[in-house]
Amino acid sequence: MKSLGMVRKIDELGRIVLPIEIRRMLDINPGDGVEMFSDKDRIILQKYAPSCIFCGEADNIVTYKDKKICKACLNEMKGI
């Protein structure tokens, strides 16, 4: 993991602003979701990409009854 040399302060409500350079680099736009993970003493932010609830695939996703399912798993379920 490399440092980008950018430091931001957390405001009184616990918010930070992601610099525009990082948002552009990661294609994060207003309204996009951001996932948060913790790893010991680190906080990791990642652009949210919905994935299949069964296999975790992020491509060819469809929504079925408010659940994200990839087309491969959906086709597999049709065969059951």
N, C-alpha and C. Protein backbone atom coordinates (compact mmCIF):
# COMPACT_ATOMS: atom_id res chain seq x y z
N MET A 1 0.85 -1.16 0.00
CA MET A 1 0.00 0.00 0.00
C MET A 1 0.91 1.23 0.00
N LYS A 2 0.64 2.18 -0.89
CA LYS A 2 1.50 3.37 -0.95
C LYS A 2 0.77 4.58 -0.39
N SER A 3 1.54 5.44 0.22
CA SER A 3 0.99 6.69 0.76
C SER A 3 0.83 7.69 -0.37
N LEU A 4 -0.27 8.42 -0.36
CA LEU A 4 -0.49 9.45 -1.36
C LEU A 4 -0.06 10.82 -0.85
N GLY A 5 0.38 10.88 0.40
CA GLY A 5 0.85 12.14 0.96
C GLY A 5 -0.25 13.14 1.24
N MET A 6 -1.48 12.67 1.38
CA MET A 6 -2.62 13.55 1.64
C MET A 6 -3.14 13.28 3.05
N VAL A 7 -3.34 14.33 3.83
CA VAL A 7 -3.88 14.20 5.18
C VAL A 7 -5.11 15.08 5.28
N ARG A 8 -6.18 14.54 5.80
CA ARG A 8 -7.40 15.30 6.02
C ARG A 8 -7.82 15.13 7.46
N LYS A 9 -8.40 16.19 8.05
CA LYS A 9 -8.89 16.13 9.43
C LYS A 9 -10.33 15.68 9.45
N ILE A 10 -10.69 14.97 10.50
CA ILE A 10 -12.08 14.54 10.70
C ILE A 10 -12.81 15.67 11.41
N ASP A 11 -14.00 16.03 10.91
CA ASP A 11 -14.75 17.11 11.55
C ASP A 11 -15.49 16.59 12.78
N GLU A 12 -16.21 17.48 13.46
CA GLU A 12 -16.88 17.13 14.71
C GLU A 12 -17.98 16.08 14.54
N LEU A 13 -18.44 15.85 13.31
CA LEU A 13 -19.45 14.82 13.05
C LEU A 13 -18.82 13.52 12.55
N GLY A 14 -17.47 13.46 12.53
CA GLY A 14 -16.78 12.25 12.10
C GLY A 14 -16.60 12.13 10.61
N ARG A 15 -16.76 13.22 9.87
CA ARG A 15 -16.67 13.18 8.41
C ARG A 15 -15.29 13.59 7.93
N ILE A 16 -14.92 13.05 6.76
CA ILE A 16 -13.74 13.52 6.05
C ILE A 16 -14.14 13.75 4.60
N VAL A 17 -13.36 14.53 3.90
CA VAL A 17 -13.60 14.76 2.48
C VAL A 17 -12.53 14.01 1.70
N LEU A 18 -12.96 13.17 0.76
CA LEU A 18 -12.00 12.50 -0.11
C LEU A 18 -11.54 13.50 -1.17
N PRO A 19 -10.25 13.71 -1.29
CA PRO A 19 -9.75 14.67 -2.27
C PRO A 19 -10.18 14.31 -3.69
N ILE A 20 -10.41 15.32 -4.50
CA ILE A 20 -10.87 15.12 -5.88
C ILE A 20 -9.92 14.23 -6.67
N GLU A 21 -8.62 14.32 -6.39
CA GLU A 21 -7.65 13.49 -7.12
C GLU A 21 -7.90 12.01 -6.88
N ILE A 22 -8.23 11.65 -5.64
CA ILE A 22 -8.52 10.25 -5.31
C ILE A 22 -9.84 9.82 -5.92
N ARG A 23 -10.85 10.71 -5.85
CA ARG A 23 -12.15 10.36 -6.44
C ARG A 23 -12.04 10.17 -7.93
N ARG A 24 -11.26 10.99 -8.59
CA ARG A 24 -11.07 10.83 -10.05
C ARG A 24 -10.31 9.54 -10.35
N MET A 25 -9.26 9.26 -9.59
CA MET A 25 -8.43 8.08 -9.80
C MET A 25 -9.25 6.81 -9.66
N LEU A 26 -10.19 6.78 -8.71
CA LEU A 26 -11.00 5.59 -8.44
C LEU A 26 -12.39 5.65 -9.06
N ASP A 27 -12.65 6.70 -9.86
CA ASP A 27 -13.95 6.89 -10.51
C ASP A 27 -15.09 6.85 -9.50
N ILE A 28 -14.91 7.59 -8.41
CA ILE A 28 -15.96 7.73 -7.39
C ILE A 28 -16.68 9.05 -7.64
N ASN A 29 -17.98 8.96 -7.86
CA ASN A 29 -18.79 10.13 -8.20
C ASN A 29 -19.84 10.39 -7.12
N PRO A 30 -20.39 11.61 -7.07
CA PRO A 30 -21.45 11.88 -6.09
C PRO A 30 -22.56 10.84 -6.20
N GLY A 31 -22.97 10.31 -5.07
CA GLY A 31 -24.03 9.30 -5.03
C GLY A 31 -23.52 7.87 -5.07
N ASP A 32 -22.23 7.66 -5.40
CA ASP A 32 -21.67 6.30 -5.41
C ASP A 32 -21.53 5.79 -3.97
N GLY A 33 -21.63 4.50 -3.81
CA GLY A 33 -21.41 3.89 -2.51
C GLY A 33 -19.93 3.62 -2.28
N VAL A 34 -19.51 3.68 -1.03
CA VAL A 34 -18.14 3.37 -0.64
C VAL A 34 -18.21 2.36 0.50
N GLU A 35 -17.53 1.22 0.32
CA GLU A 35 -17.47 0.20 1.38
C GLU A 35 -16.32 0.52 2.32
N MET A 36 -16.48 0.16 3.59
CA MET A 36 -15.44 0.37 4.59
C MET A 36 -15.06 -0.96 5.22
N PHE A 37 -13.77 -1.18 5.36
CA PHE A 37 -13.23 -2.37 5.98
C PHE A 37 -12.22 -1.94 7.04
N SER A 38 -12.00 -2.77 8.04
CA SER A 38 -10.94 -2.49 9.01
C SER A 38 -9.97 -3.66 9.00
N ASP A 39 -8.70 -3.35 9.17
CA ASP A 39 -7.65 -4.34 9.21
C ASP A 39 -6.65 -3.90 10.26
N LYS A 40 -6.80 -4.45 11.47
CA LYS A 40 -5.98 -4.05 12.61
C LYS A 40 -6.13 -2.56 12.86
N ASP A 41 -5.10 -1.77 12.54
CA ASP A 41 -5.16 -0.33 12.81
C ASP A 41 -5.41 0.49 11.56
N ARG A 42 -5.99 -0.11 10.52
CA ARG A 42 -6.23 0.59 9.25
C ARG A 42 -7.72 0.60 8.91
N ILE A 43 -8.11 1.64 8.24
CA ILE A 43 -9.45 1.73 7.66
C ILE A 43 -9.25 1.72 6.16
N ILE A 44 -9.95 0.84 5.47
CA ILE A 44 -9.81 0.71 4.02
C ILE A 44 -11.13 1.10 3.39
N LEU A 45 -11.08 2.03 2.44
CA LEU A 45 -12.26 2.45 1.69
C LEU A 45 -12.15 1.90 0.28
N GLN A 46 -13.28 1.45 -0.25
CA GLN A 46 -13.30 0.88 -1.59
C GLN A 46 -14.62 1.26 -2.25
N LYS A 47 -14.57 1.62 -3.53
CA LYS A 47 -15.80 1.91 -4.25
C LYS A 47 -16.68 0.67 -4.21
N TYR A 48 -17.94 0.85 -3.85
CA TYR A 48 -18.87 -0.26 -3.74
C TYR A 48 -19.28 -0.76 -5.11
N ALA A 49 -19.18 -2.06 -5.30
CA ALA A 49 -19.66 -2.70 -6.52
C ALA A 49 -20.56 -3.84 -6.09
N PRO A 50 -21.85 -3.76 -6.41
CA PRO A 50 -22.76 -4.83 -6.00
C PRO A 50 -22.32 -6.16 -6.62
N SER A 51 -22.44 -7.22 -5.85
CA SER A 51 -22.04 -8.54 -6.35
C SER A 51 -23.10 -9.58 -6.02
N CYS A 52 -22.98 -10.71 -6.66
CA CYS A 52 -23.92 -11.81 -6.50
C CYS A 52 -23.91 -12.32 -5.06
N ILE A 53 -25.10 -12.53 -4.50
CA ILE A 53 -25.19 -13.00 -3.11
C ILE A 53 -24.74 -14.46 -2.98
N PHE A 54 -24.66 -15.19 -4.10
CA PHE A 54 -24.26 -16.60 -4.04
C PHE A 54 -22.77 -16.80 -4.31
N CYS A 55 -22.25 -16.22 -5.38
CA CYS A 55 -20.86 -16.52 -5.76
C CYS A 55 -19.92 -15.33 -5.62
N GLY A 56 -20.46 -14.11 -5.43
CA GLY A 56 -19.62 -12.93 -5.28
C GLY A 56 -19.22 -12.28 -6.59
N GLU A 57 -19.63 -12.81 -7.70
CA GLU A 57 -19.31 -12.25 -9.02
C GLU A 57 -19.89 -10.84 -9.13
N ALA A 58 -19.14 -9.93 -9.76
CA ALA A 58 -19.60 -8.54 -9.87
C ALA A 58 -20.06 -8.19 -11.28
N ASP A 59 -19.90 -9.11 -12.23
CA ASP A 59 -20.31 -8.86 -13.62
C ASP A 59 -21.65 -9.53 -13.90
N ASN A 60 -22.38 -8.97 -14.85
CA ASN A 60 -23.66 -9.52 -15.29
C ASN A 60 -24.64 -9.71 -14.13
N ILE A 61 -24.80 -8.66 -13.32
CA ILE A 61 -25.68 -8.71 -12.16
C ILE A 61 -27.09 -8.29 -12.54
N VAL A 62 -28.06 -9.03 -12.05
CA VAL A 62 -29.47 -8.66 -12.18
C VAL A 62 -30.06 -8.60 -10.78
N THR A 63 -31.14 -7.85 -10.65
CA THR A 63 -31.82 -7.76 -9.36
C THR A 63 -33.07 -8.62 -9.42
N TYR A 64 -33.19 -9.53 -8.47
CA TYR A 64 -34.37 -10.40 -8.38
C TYR A 64 -34.89 -10.33 -6.96
N LYS A 65 -36.10 -9.81 -6.80
CA LYS A 65 -36.73 -9.63 -5.48
C LYS A 65 -35.78 -8.92 -4.51
N ASP A 66 -35.23 -7.79 -4.98
CA ASP A 66 -34.33 -6.93 -4.20
C ASP A 66 -33.01 -7.60 -3.82
N LYS A 67 -32.62 -8.67 -4.49
CA LYS A 67 -31.34 -9.35 -4.25
C LYS A 67 -30.52 -9.28 -5.53
N LYS A 68 -29.20 -9.12 -5.39
CA LYS A 68 -28.29 -9.08 -6.53
C LYS A 68 -27.83 -10.50 -6.84
N ILE A 69 -28.06 -10.95 -8.08
CA ILE A 69 -27.70 -12.30 -8.50
C ILE A 69 -27.07 -12.20 -9.89
N CYS A 70 -25.96 -12.93 -10.09
CA CYS A 70 -25.35 -12.92 -11.43
C CYS A 70 -26.18 -13.83 -12.34
N LYS A 71 -26.05 -13.60 -13.63
CA LYS A 71 -26.84 -14.37 -14.60
C LYS A 71 -26.49 -15.85 -14.56
N ALA A 72 -25.23 -16.18 -14.27
CA ALA A 72 -24.84 -17.60 -14.21
C ALA A 72 -25.57 -18.32 -13.07
N CYS A 73 -25.62 -17.70 -11.90
CA CYS A 73 -26.33 -18.32 -10.76
C CYS A 73 -27.82 -18.36 -11.02
N LEU A 74 -28.35 -17.32 -11.65
CA LEU A 74 -29.77 -17.30 -11.97
C LEU A 74 -30.12 -18.43 -12.93
N ASN A 75 -29.27 -18.65 -13.95
CA ASN A 75 -29.49 -19.75 -14.89
C ASN A 75 -29.37 -21.10 -14.20
N GLU A 76 -28.42 -21.21 -13.26
CA GLU A 76 -28.26 -22.45 -12.50
C GLU A 76 -29.51 -22.74 -11.66
N MET A 77 -30.09 -21.70 -11.07
CA MET A 77 -31.29 -21.88 -10.26
C MET A 77 -32.48 -22.29 -11.12
N LYS A 78 -32.51 -21.82 -12.36
CA LYS A 78 -33.61 -22.21 -13.25
C LYS A 78 -33.60 -23.71 -13.51
N GLY A 79 -32.41 -24.33 -13.48
CA GLY A 79 -32.28 -25.76 -13.74
C GLY A 79 -32.62 -26.64 -12.54
N ILE A 80 -32.88 -26.05 -11.40
CA ILE A 80 -33.19 -26.84 -10.19
C ILE A 80 -34.62 -27.29 -10.20
